[in-house]
N, C-alpha and C. Protein backbone atom coordinates (compact mmCIF):
# COMPACT_ATOMS: atom_id res chain seq x y z
N MET A 1 -119.53 -22.85 77.33
CA MET A 1 -119.30 -23.04 78.74
C MET A 1 -120.48 -23.83 79.29
N HIS A 2 -120.20 -24.81 80.10
CA HIS A 2 -121.24 -25.66 80.67
C HIS A 2 -121.47 -25.29 82.13
N ASP A 3 -122.72 -25.17 82.49
CA ASP A 3 -123.09 -24.90 83.88
C ASP A 3 -123.31 -26.24 84.56
N LYS A 4 -122.58 -26.48 85.65
CA LYS A 4 -122.73 -27.75 86.36
C LYS A 4 -124.06 -27.85 87.07
N ASN A 5 -124.72 -26.73 87.32
CA ASN A 5 -126.01 -26.70 87.99
C ASN A 5 -127.03 -25.98 87.11
N PRO A 6 -127.56 -26.67 86.10
CA PRO A 6 -128.53 -26.01 85.23
C PRO A 6 -129.79 -25.63 86.00
N PRO A 7 -130.51 -24.63 85.53
CA PRO A 7 -131.71 -24.18 86.23
C PRO A 7 -132.82 -25.23 86.18
N HIS A 8 -133.66 -25.22 87.20
CA HIS A 8 -134.84 -26.08 87.21
C HIS A 8 -135.87 -25.49 86.26
N ILE A 9 -136.49 -26.34 85.46
CA ILE A 9 -137.52 -25.89 84.52
C ILE A 9 -138.83 -26.57 84.88
N ASN A 10 -139.85 -25.79 85.09
CA ASN A 10 -141.18 -26.31 85.37
C ASN A 10 -141.89 -26.49 84.03
N PHE A 11 -141.88 -27.71 83.49
CA PHE A 11 -142.45 -27.95 82.16
C PHE A 11 -143.97 -27.87 82.14
N ALA A 12 -144.61 -27.83 83.29
CA ALA A 12 -146.06 -27.61 83.31
C ALA A 12 -146.37 -26.15 82.97
N ARG A 13 -145.41 -25.26 83.23
CA ARG A 13 -145.60 -23.83 83.02
C ARG A 13 -144.76 -23.30 81.85
N ASP A 14 -143.59 -23.86 81.64
CA ASP A 14 -142.63 -23.34 80.65
C ASP A 14 -142.27 -24.40 79.61
N MET A 15 -141.65 -23.94 78.53
CA MET A 15 -141.09 -24.85 77.54
C MET A 15 -139.72 -24.31 77.13
N VAL A 16 -138.92 -25.17 76.53
CA VAL A 16 -137.58 -24.80 76.11
C VAL A 16 -137.53 -24.81 74.58
N ILE A 17 -136.98 -23.75 74.02
CA ILE A 17 -136.74 -23.67 72.58
C ILE A 17 -135.23 -23.78 72.39
N MET A 18 -134.83 -24.68 71.52
CA MET A 18 -133.40 -24.89 71.25
C MET A 18 -133.11 -24.66 69.78
N ALA A 19 -131.93 -24.13 69.50
CA ALA A 19 -131.46 -23.95 68.13
C ALA A 19 -130.01 -24.42 68.07
N ALA A 20 -129.64 -25.04 66.97
CA ALA A 20 -128.27 -25.54 66.81
C ALA A 20 -127.86 -25.39 65.35
N THR A 21 -126.57 -25.39 65.14
CA THR A 21 -126.05 -25.34 63.76
C THR A 21 -125.42 -26.69 63.45
N GLU A 22 -125.10 -26.83 62.20
CA GLU A 22 -124.36 -28.02 61.80
C GLU A 22 -122.94 -27.93 62.37
N THR A 23 -122.22 -29.02 62.32
CA THR A 23 -120.83 -29.02 62.79
C THR A 23 -120.01 -28.06 61.95
N ARG A 24 -119.24 -27.22 62.62
CA ARG A 24 -118.37 -26.24 61.96
C ARG A 24 -116.93 -26.74 62.04
N GLY A 25 -116.16 -26.45 61.00
CA GLY A 25 -114.79 -26.93 60.93
C GLY A 25 -113.80 -26.17 61.80
N THR A 26 -114.17 -24.99 62.26
CA THR A 26 -113.28 -24.22 63.11
C THR A 26 -114.05 -23.69 64.31
N MET A 27 -113.31 -23.38 65.36
CA MET A 27 -113.93 -22.77 66.54
C MET A 27 -114.24 -21.31 66.23
N GLY A 28 -115.02 -20.67 67.07
CA GLY A 28 -115.32 -19.26 66.89
C GLY A 28 -116.75 -19.01 66.43
N TRP A 29 -117.49 -20.05 66.13
CA TRP A 29 -118.88 -19.89 65.74
C TRP A 29 -119.75 -19.89 66.99
N GLY A 30 -120.85 -19.19 66.92
CA GLY A 30 -121.80 -19.18 68.01
C GLY A 30 -123.20 -19.03 67.47
N ILE A 31 -124.17 -19.25 68.32
CA ILE A 31 -125.56 -19.09 67.93
C ILE A 31 -126.31 -18.54 69.14
N SER A 32 -127.29 -17.70 68.89
CA SER A 32 -128.09 -17.17 69.99
C SER A 32 -129.54 -17.04 69.55
N ILE A 33 -130.44 -17.13 70.51
CA ILE A 33 -131.86 -16.88 70.26
C ILE A 33 -132.12 -15.51 70.88
N ASP A 34 -132.24 -14.50 70.02
CA ASP A 34 -132.34 -13.12 70.49
C ASP A 34 -133.74 -12.73 70.95
N THR A 35 -134.75 -13.22 70.25
CA THR A 35 -136.12 -12.80 70.50
C THR A 35 -137.06 -13.97 70.26
N VAL A 36 -138.11 -14.07 71.07
CA VAL A 36 -139.19 -15.03 70.81
C VAL A 36 -140.48 -14.24 70.91
N TYR A 37 -141.32 -14.32 69.86
CA TYR A 37 -142.58 -13.58 69.90
C TYR A 37 -143.68 -14.41 69.23
N SER A 38 -144.91 -14.07 69.51
CA SER A 38 -146.08 -14.76 68.98
C SER A 38 -146.73 -13.92 67.88
N ASP A 39 -147.31 -14.60 66.91
CA ASP A 39 -148.08 -13.88 65.89
C ASP A 39 -149.54 -13.74 66.31
N GLY A 40 -149.84 -14.15 67.55
CA GLY A 40 -151.21 -14.06 68.05
C GLY A 40 -152.07 -15.23 67.61
N GLY A 41 -151.47 -16.16 66.91
CA GLY A 41 -152.22 -17.31 66.39
C GLY A 41 -151.55 -18.61 66.74
N ALA A 42 -151.11 -19.32 65.72
CA ALA A 42 -150.63 -20.68 65.90
C ALA A 42 -149.11 -20.81 66.00
N TRP A 43 -148.38 -19.71 65.89
CA TRP A 43 -146.92 -19.84 65.84
C TRP A 43 -146.21 -18.91 66.81
N LEU A 44 -145.12 -19.43 67.37
CA LEU A 44 -144.12 -18.61 68.05
C LEU A 44 -142.97 -18.48 67.07
N TYR A 45 -142.35 -17.32 67.04
CA TYR A 45 -141.20 -17.11 66.16
C TYR A 45 -139.97 -16.84 67.02
N ALA A 46 -138.90 -17.56 66.74
CA ALA A 46 -137.64 -17.38 67.45
C ALA A 46 -136.63 -16.79 66.48
N VAL A 47 -136.10 -15.63 66.79
CA VAL A 47 -135.09 -14.99 65.94
C VAL A 47 -133.73 -15.51 66.38
N VAL A 48 -133.05 -16.18 65.45
CA VAL A 48 -131.77 -16.83 65.74
C VAL A 48 -130.67 -16.08 65.01
N ARG A 49 -129.60 -15.79 65.70
CA ARG A 49 -128.45 -15.13 65.08
C ARG A 49 -127.25 -16.06 65.13
N GLU A 50 -126.65 -16.24 63.97
CA GLU A 50 -125.46 -17.07 63.87
C GLU A 50 -124.25 -16.16 63.79
N LEU A 51 -123.28 -16.41 64.63
CA LEU A 51 -122.10 -15.56 64.72
C LEU A 51 -120.92 -16.25 64.07
N PRO A 52 -120.45 -15.74 62.93
CA PRO A 52 -119.36 -16.40 62.22
C PRO A 52 -118.00 -16.16 62.86
N SER A 53 -117.09 -17.01 62.49
CA SER A 53 -115.73 -16.99 63.02
C SER A 53 -114.84 -16.05 62.22
N CYS A 54 -113.86 -15.51 62.89
CA CYS A 54 -112.82 -14.73 62.21
C CYS A 54 -111.57 -15.58 62.05
N GLY A 55 -111.71 -16.85 62.18
CA GLY A 55 -110.57 -17.75 62.13
C GLY A 55 -110.34 -18.34 63.51
N GLY A 56 -109.53 -19.31 63.55
CA GLY A 56 -109.24 -19.96 64.82
C GLY A 56 -108.72 -21.36 64.56
N PRO A 57 -108.46 -22.07 65.62
CA PRO A 57 -107.92 -23.42 65.45
C PRO A 57 -108.92 -24.33 64.73
N ASP A 58 -108.40 -25.35 64.10
CA ASP A 58 -109.23 -26.29 63.36
C ASP A 58 -109.78 -27.37 64.27
N TYR A 59 -110.68 -26.98 65.14
CA TYR A 59 -111.39 -27.92 66.00
C TYR A 59 -112.87 -27.82 65.65
N ALA A 60 -113.51 -28.95 65.54
CA ALA A 60 -114.93 -28.94 65.20
C ALA A 60 -115.73 -28.33 66.35
N SER A 61 -116.76 -27.58 66.00
CA SER A 61 -117.65 -27.02 67.02
C SER A 61 -119.09 -27.24 66.57
N ARG A 62 -119.97 -27.36 67.54
CA ARG A 62 -121.41 -27.53 67.27
C ARG A 62 -122.18 -26.56 68.15
N PRO A 63 -122.28 -25.30 67.72
CA PRO A 63 -122.97 -24.30 68.54
C PRO A 63 -124.43 -24.66 68.81
N ILE A 64 -124.89 -24.35 70.02
CA ILE A 64 -126.27 -24.61 70.42
C ILE A 64 -126.71 -23.51 71.38
N ALA A 65 -127.98 -23.18 71.34
CA ALA A 65 -128.55 -22.18 72.26
C ALA A 65 -129.91 -22.68 72.71
N ALA A 66 -130.30 -22.31 73.93
CA ALA A 66 -131.62 -22.69 74.45
C ALA A 66 -132.16 -21.56 75.30
N VAL A 67 -133.47 -21.36 75.24
CA VAL A 67 -134.15 -20.36 76.08
C VAL A 67 -135.41 -21.00 76.64
N THR A 68 -135.82 -20.52 77.80
CA THR A 68 -137.06 -20.94 78.42
C THR A 68 -138.10 -19.85 78.21
N VAL A 69 -139.29 -20.23 77.75
CA VAL A 69 -140.38 -19.29 77.52
C VAL A 69 -141.65 -19.87 78.13
N PRO A 70 -142.64 -19.03 78.41
CA PRO A 70 -143.91 -19.56 78.92
C PRO A 70 -144.52 -20.55 77.92
N ARG A 71 -145.08 -21.60 78.45
CA ARG A 71 -145.71 -22.64 77.63
C ARG A 71 -146.78 -22.03 76.73
N SER A 72 -146.81 -22.47 75.47
CA SER A 72 -147.70 -21.85 74.49
C SER A 72 -148.84 -22.76 74.05
N GLY A 73 -149.12 -23.80 74.78
CA GLY A 73 -150.20 -24.70 74.37
C GLY A 73 -149.82 -25.47 73.13
N SER A 74 -150.65 -25.39 72.12
CA SER A 74 -150.41 -26.18 70.91
C SER A 74 -149.72 -25.38 69.81
N MET A 75 -149.13 -24.23 70.14
CA MET A 75 -148.42 -23.44 69.13
C MET A 75 -147.18 -24.17 68.65
N GLY A 76 -146.86 -24.01 67.37
CA GLY A 76 -145.61 -24.51 66.84
C GLY A 76 -144.56 -23.42 66.94
N VAL A 77 -143.31 -23.78 66.67
CA VAL A 77 -142.22 -22.80 66.70
C VAL A 77 -141.59 -22.75 65.31
N ARG A 78 -141.42 -21.55 64.81
CA ARG A 78 -140.71 -21.32 63.55
C ARG A 78 -139.49 -20.47 63.85
N PHE A 79 -138.41 -20.74 63.13
CA PHE A 79 -137.17 -20.02 63.34
C PHE A 79 -136.93 -19.03 62.21
N ILE A 80 -136.49 -17.85 62.57
CA ILE A 80 -136.11 -16.81 61.61
C ILE A 80 -134.61 -16.64 61.78
N GLU A 81 -133.86 -16.90 60.74
CA GLU A 81 -132.41 -16.84 60.83
C GLU A 81 -131.90 -15.48 60.39
N ARG A 82 -131.01 -14.93 61.17
CA ARG A 82 -130.35 -13.67 60.86
C ARG A 82 -128.84 -13.89 61.00
N GLY A 83 -128.11 -13.68 59.94
CA GLY A 83 -126.66 -13.82 60.00
C GLY A 83 -126.03 -12.51 60.43
N LEU A 84 -124.88 -12.59 61.02
CA LEU A 84 -124.13 -11.41 61.40
C LEU A 84 -122.76 -11.47 60.76
N LYS A 85 -122.27 -10.33 60.34
CA LYS A 85 -120.91 -10.27 59.81
C LYS A 85 -119.95 -10.26 60.98
N PRO A 86 -118.82 -10.96 60.84
CA PRO A 86 -117.86 -10.97 61.94
C PRO A 86 -117.20 -9.61 62.14
N VAL A 87 -116.88 -9.33 63.37
CA VAL A 87 -116.11 -8.13 63.71
C VAL A 87 -114.72 -8.64 64.10
N CYS A 88 -113.77 -8.50 63.20
CA CYS A 88 -112.45 -9.06 63.41
C CYS A 88 -111.42 -7.94 63.57
N ASP A 89 -110.44 -8.21 64.40
CA ASP A 89 -109.31 -7.29 64.52
C ASP A 89 -108.34 -7.60 63.39
N ASN A 90 -108.10 -6.65 62.53
CA ASN A 90 -107.18 -6.87 61.40
C ASN A 90 -105.88 -6.17 61.65
């Protein structure tokens, strides 16, 4: 879903972390950034969860997620991927 009025981001104070997946052959996939934390040193870690499909129409999808976090100076960002099993109605 697209928001016609995205929030204002103050890049002097904040930064945006984005995660995306490759193109998927069916709809129903999603991605989220659940947690962002610092190791107290040079890295921020973003925990990303990929939500698999239980089936659906054959339309390509390109899931993407973004979060705003306080600016971290010269820290880099590393992603930790966590997969989730689908919960399907059978």
